[in-house]
N, C-alpha and C. Protein backbone atom coordinates (compact mmCIF):
# COMPACT_ATOMS: atom_id res chain seq x y z
N UNK A 1 97.29 72.66 99.36
CA UNK A 1 96.91 73.61 98.81
C UNK A 1 98.23 74.76 98.87
N UNK A 2 98.45 75.15 97.88
CA UNK A 2 99.62 76.70 97.33
C UNK A 2 98.86 77.98 98.35
N UNK A 3 99.94 78.48 98.66
CA UNK A 3 99.56 79.95 99.07
C UNK A 3 101.01 80.82 98.48
N UNK A 4 100.86 81.69 98.97
CA UNK A 4 101.93 81.99 97.99
C UNK A 4 102.76 83.20 99.27
N UNK A 5 102.05 83.05 101.02
CA UNK A 5 102.33 82.88 102.13
C UNK A 5 103.78 83.00 102.47
N UNK A 6 104.54 81.25 101.44
CA UNK A 6 105.52 81.68 101.33
C UNK A 6 106.36 81.90 101.66
N UNK A 7 105.96 83.34 100.55
CA UNK A 7 107.19 83.72 100.37
C UNK A 7 106.89 85.15 101.83
N UNK A 8 108.09 84.97 101.67
CA UNK A 8 108.27 86.19 103.37
C UNK A 8 107.96 87.32 103.19
N UNK A 9 108.79 87.34 101.72
CA UNK A 9 108.78 89.11 100.87
C UNK A 9 107.74 89.81 101.10
N UNK A 10 107.11 89.13 100.90
CA UNK A 10 105.83 89.28 100.42
C UNK A 10 104.41 89.12 101.75
N UNK A 11 104.78 88.32 102.41
CA UNK A 11 103.79 88.32 103.90
C UNK A 11 103.92 89.65 104.43
N UNK A 12 105.48 89.75 104.58
CA UNK A 12 106.22 91.01 104.84
C UNK A 12 105.92 92.38 104.38
N UNK A 13 105.46 92.51 103.48
CA UNK A 13 104.43 93.26 102.84
C UNK A 13 103.21 94.05 102.91
N UNK A 14 102.23 92.63 103.29
CA UNK A 14 101.14 93.11 103.25
C UNK A 14 101.38 92.93 105.28
N UNK A 15 102.20 92.08 105.91
CA UNK A 15 101.65 92.89 106.28
C UNK A 15 102.05 94.14 107.68
N UNK A 16 103.12 95.43 107.01
CA UNK A 16 103.25 96.46 106.99
C UNK A 16 102.07 97.45 105.72
N UNK A 17 101.49 96.53 104.89
CA UNK A 17 100.94 98.02 104.85
C UNK A 17 99.35 97.19 105.90
N UNK A 18 99.05 96.15 106.28
CA UNK A 18 98.08 96.43 107.35
C UNK A 18 98.49 97.34 107.92
N UNK A 19 99.61 97.54 109.03
CA UNK A 19 100.53 97.65 109.61
C UNK A 19 99.79 99.23 109.89
N UNK A 20 99.64 99.27 108.52
CA UNK A 20 99.08 101.44 108.27
C UNK A 20 98.15 101.66 108.62
N UNK A 21 96.87 100.58 108.07
CA UNK A 21 95.88 100.23 108.62
C UNK A 21 95.40 100.26 110.90
N UNK A 22 95.95 99.76 111.09
CA UNK A 22 95.18 99.24 111.94
C UNK A 22 95.24 99.99 113.04
N UNK A 23 96.27 101.52 113.79
CA UNK A 23 95.90 102.56 114.40
C UNK A 23 94.75 102.92 114.08
N UNK A 24 93.54 102.78 113.19
CA UNK A 24 92.52 103.93 112.70
C UNK A 24 91.70 101.88 113.74
N UNK A 25 91.98 101.21 113.28
CA UNK A 25 91.05 99.48 113.36
C UNK A 25 91.11 99.93 114.73
N UNK A 26 92.20 99.95 115.56
CA UNK A 26 92.08 100.08 117.18
C UNK A 26 91.81 101.07 117.87
N UNK A 27 91.78 102.13 117.95
CA UNK A 27 91.25 103.59 117.71
C UNK A 27 89.84 103.36 118.03
N UNK A 28 88.64 102.12 116.71
CA UNK A 28 87.31 101.48 117.51
C UNK A 28 87.72 100.86 117.86
N UNK A 29 88.69 99.92 118.82
CA UNK A 29 88.63 98.87 119.13
C UNK A 29 88.32 98.13 118.80
N UNK A 30 89.08 97.88 116.89
CA UNK A 30 88.97 96.40 116.80
C UNK A 30 90.49 96.70 115.96
N UNK A 31 90.19 95.04 115.23
CA UNK A 31 92.36 95.39 114.49
C UNK A 31 91.91 93.76 113.86
N UNK A 32 93.01 93.51 113.20
CA UNK A 32 93.12 92.46 112.18
C UNK A 32 94.17 91.41 111.99
N UNK A 33 94.13 90.63 111.94
CA UNK A 33 95.44 88.98 111.35
C UNK A 33 95.41 88.94 110.27
N UNK A 34 96.86 89.05 109.95
CA UNK A 34 96.52 87.23 108.10
C UNK A 34 96.93 86.73 108.55
N UNK A 35 95.39 85.99 107.76
CA UNK A 35 95.05 83.90 107.88
C UNK A 35 96.72 83.82 106.56
N UNK A 36 96.20 83.83 105.42
CA UNK A 36 96.82 84.05 104.71
C UNK A 36 97.13 84.46 103.58
N UNK A 37 97.57 83.99 101.89
CA UNK A 37 97.87 84.58 101.53
C UNK A 37 97.52 83.90 100.38
N UNK A 38 96.72 83.75 99.40
CA UNK A 38 96.08 82.36 98.90
C UNK A 38 97.47 82.57 97.34
N UNK A 39 97.47 81.63 96.46
CA UNK A 39 98.10 81.30 95.11
C UNK A 39 97.59 82.30 94.29
N UNK A 40 96.23 82.54 95.01
CA UNK A 40 96.03 83.04 93.66
C UNK A 40 96.23 85.05 93.81
N UNK A 41 96.49 84.79 95.11
CA UNK A 41 97.11 86.67 95.65
C UNK A 41 95.54 87.49 96.49
N UNK A 42 94.81 85.92 97.00
CA UNK A 42 93.78 86.34 97.88
C UNK A 42 94.23 86.92 99.35
N UNK A 43 94.60 87.91 99.68
CA UNK A 43 94.90 87.96 101.13
C UNK A 43 93.48 87.48 102.04
N UNK A 44 93.42 86.56 103.63
CA UNK A 44 93.02 86.02 103.55
C UNK A 44 93.01 86.58 105.62
N UNK A 45 91.96 87.36 106.48
CA UNK A 45 91.48 87.79 107.19
C UNK A 45 91.31 87.70 108.04
N UNK A 46 91.54 88.00 109.39
CA UNK A 46 90.41 87.46 110.88
C UNK A 46 90.56 89.00 111.06
N UNK A 47 88.78 89.12 111.05
CA UNK A 47 88.70 90.55 111.68
C UNK A 47 88.91 90.57 113.24
N UNK A 48 89.47 91.37 114.07
CA UNK A 48 89.10 91.08 115.39
C UNK A 48 88.41 92.57 116.43
N UNK A 49 87.89 91.88 117.64
CA UNK A 49 87.42 93.15 117.94
C UNK A 49 86.93 93.75 117.39
N UNK A 50 86.28 95.16 117.61
CA UNK A 50 84.92 95.68 118.13
C UNK A 50 84.51 95.39 115.67
N UNK A 51 85.53 95.40 114.90
CA UNK A 51 85.76 94.83 113.92
C UNK A 51 85.33 93.77 113.27
N UNK A 52 84.97 92.96 114.22
CA UNK A 52 83.99 91.21 114.17
C UNK A 52 82.53 91.38 113.39
N UNK A 53 82.20 92.73 114.31
CA UNK A 53 80.32 92.61 114.04
C UNK A 53 80.24 94.41 114.43
N UNK A 54 80.97 94.78 113.69
CA UNK A 54 80.64 96.14 113.15
C UNK A 54 79.80 95.83 112.37
N UNK A 55 79.01 97.32 111.81
CA UNK A 55 78.30 96.04 110.35
C UNK A 55 78.85 97.58 108.81
N UNK A 56 79.30 97.90 109.90
CA UNK A 56 80.31 99.07 108.25
C UNK A 56 81.78 97.86 108.28
N UNK A 57 82.03 96.90 108.23
CA UNK A 57 83.54 96.15 108.78
C UNK A 57 83.46 95.99 106.94
N UNK A 58 82.05 95.55 106.39
CA UNK A 58 82.66 94.94 105.04
C UNK A 58 83.13 96.70 103.83
N UNK A 59 82.43 97.76 104.65
CA UNK A 59 83.19 99.23 103.93
C UNK A 59 84.58 99.65 104.44
N UNK A 60 84.87 99.04 105.10
CA UNK A 60 86.52 98.84 106.47
C UNK A 60 87.54 98.22 105.40
N UNK A 61 86.49 97.40 105.07
CA UNK A 61 87.85 96.34 104.17
C UNK A 61 88.02 96.87 103.00
N UNK A 62 86.21 96.71 101.86
CA UNK A 62 87.32 97.19 100.98
C UNK A 62 87.61 98.62 101.02
N UNK A 63 86.86 99.53 101.75
CA UNK A 63 87.99 101.46 100.77
C UNK A 63 88.54 101.20 101.21
N UNK A 64 89.46 101.11 103.00
CA UNK A 64 90.54 101.18 103.66
C UNK A 64 91.36 100.12 103.52
N UNK A 65 91.37 98.94 103.90
CA UNK A 65 92.35 98.14 104.39
C UNK A 65 92.48 97.26 102.16
N UNK A 66 91.57 96.82 101.81
CA UNK A 66 91.73 96.74 100.80
C UNK A 66 93.00 97.16 99.77
N UNK A 67 92.29 98.29 99.47
CA UNK A 67 92.63 99.55 98.49
C UNK A 67 94.76 99.13 99.80
N UNK A 68 94.29 100.11 100.81
CA UNK A 68 95.66 99.78 100.64
C UNK A 68 96.87 98.72 101.52
N UNK A 69 96.40 97.88 101.28
CA UNK A 69 97.45 96.78 100.13
C UNK A 69 97.55 96.19 99.26
N UNK A 70 96.55 96.40 98.64
CA UNK A 70 95.99 96.57 96.72
C UNK A 70 98.12 97.70 96.14
N UNK A 71 97.25 98.44 96.00
CA UNK A 71 98.01 100.12 96.47
C UNK A 71 100.14 99.50 97.18
N UNK A 72 99.93 99.01 97.85
CA UNK A 72 101.61 98.49 98.79
C UNK A 72 101.96 97.57 98.25
N UNK A 73 101.05 96.30 97.76
CA UNK A 73 101.47 95.09 97.03
C UNK A 73 100.46 94.37 95.57
N UNK A 74 100.77 95.47 94.78
CA UNK A 74 100.20 95.09 93.52
C UNK A 74 99.97 93.31 93.55
N UNK A 75 100.74 92.95 93.92
CA UNK A 75 100.62 90.98 93.21
C UNK A 75 98.99 90.78 93.73
N UNK A 76 98.57 91.47 94.74
CA UNK A 76 97.39 91.55 95.57
C UNK A 76 96.38 91.39 94.17
N UNK A 77 95.42 90.34 94.27
CA UNK A 77 94.56 90.79 94.02
C UNK A 77 92.35 90.73 94.69
N UNK A 78 92.85 90.63 95.88
CA UNK A 78 91.75 90.49 96.75
C UNK A 78 91.96 90.73 97.96
N UNK A 79 90.79 91.81 99.08
CA UNK A 79 91.55 90.49 100.33
C UNK A 79 89.34 90.38 101.17
N UNK A 80 90.16 89.12 101.40
CA UNK A 80 88.87 88.78 101.86
C UNK A 80 88.60 88.15 103.77
N UNK A 81 87.98 88.54 104.57
CA UNK A 81 87.92 88.05 105.91
C UNK A 81 86.95 87.05 105.49
N UNK A 82 87.74 86.34 106.26
CA UNK A 82 86.78 84.80 106.70
C UNK A 82 86.35 84.60 107.80
N UNK A 83 85.94 85.24 108.55
CA UNK A 83 85.22 85.04 109.72
C UNK A 83 83.64 86.06 109.32
N UNK A 84 83.47 87.10 108.68
CA UNK A 84 82.85 87.21 108.26
C UNK A 84 81.53 86.92 108.04
């Protein structure tokens, strides 16, 4: 399967966008890890720590993480959690 994660600059940009959100996630005992960037521009993330079981994780994913990533990296079309 072809992925966009093979493009180092794109991966770096996504990681930088995630870095802006990590302090907020870590403040509540959670974090996030980049798993893949698909050929369709979908960022696949693994939610870690408290984020794995938090009932608000889907809201955090859409309203926080996805918006930050899409604002920083326009090529990204969607952000999905692979472990929710």
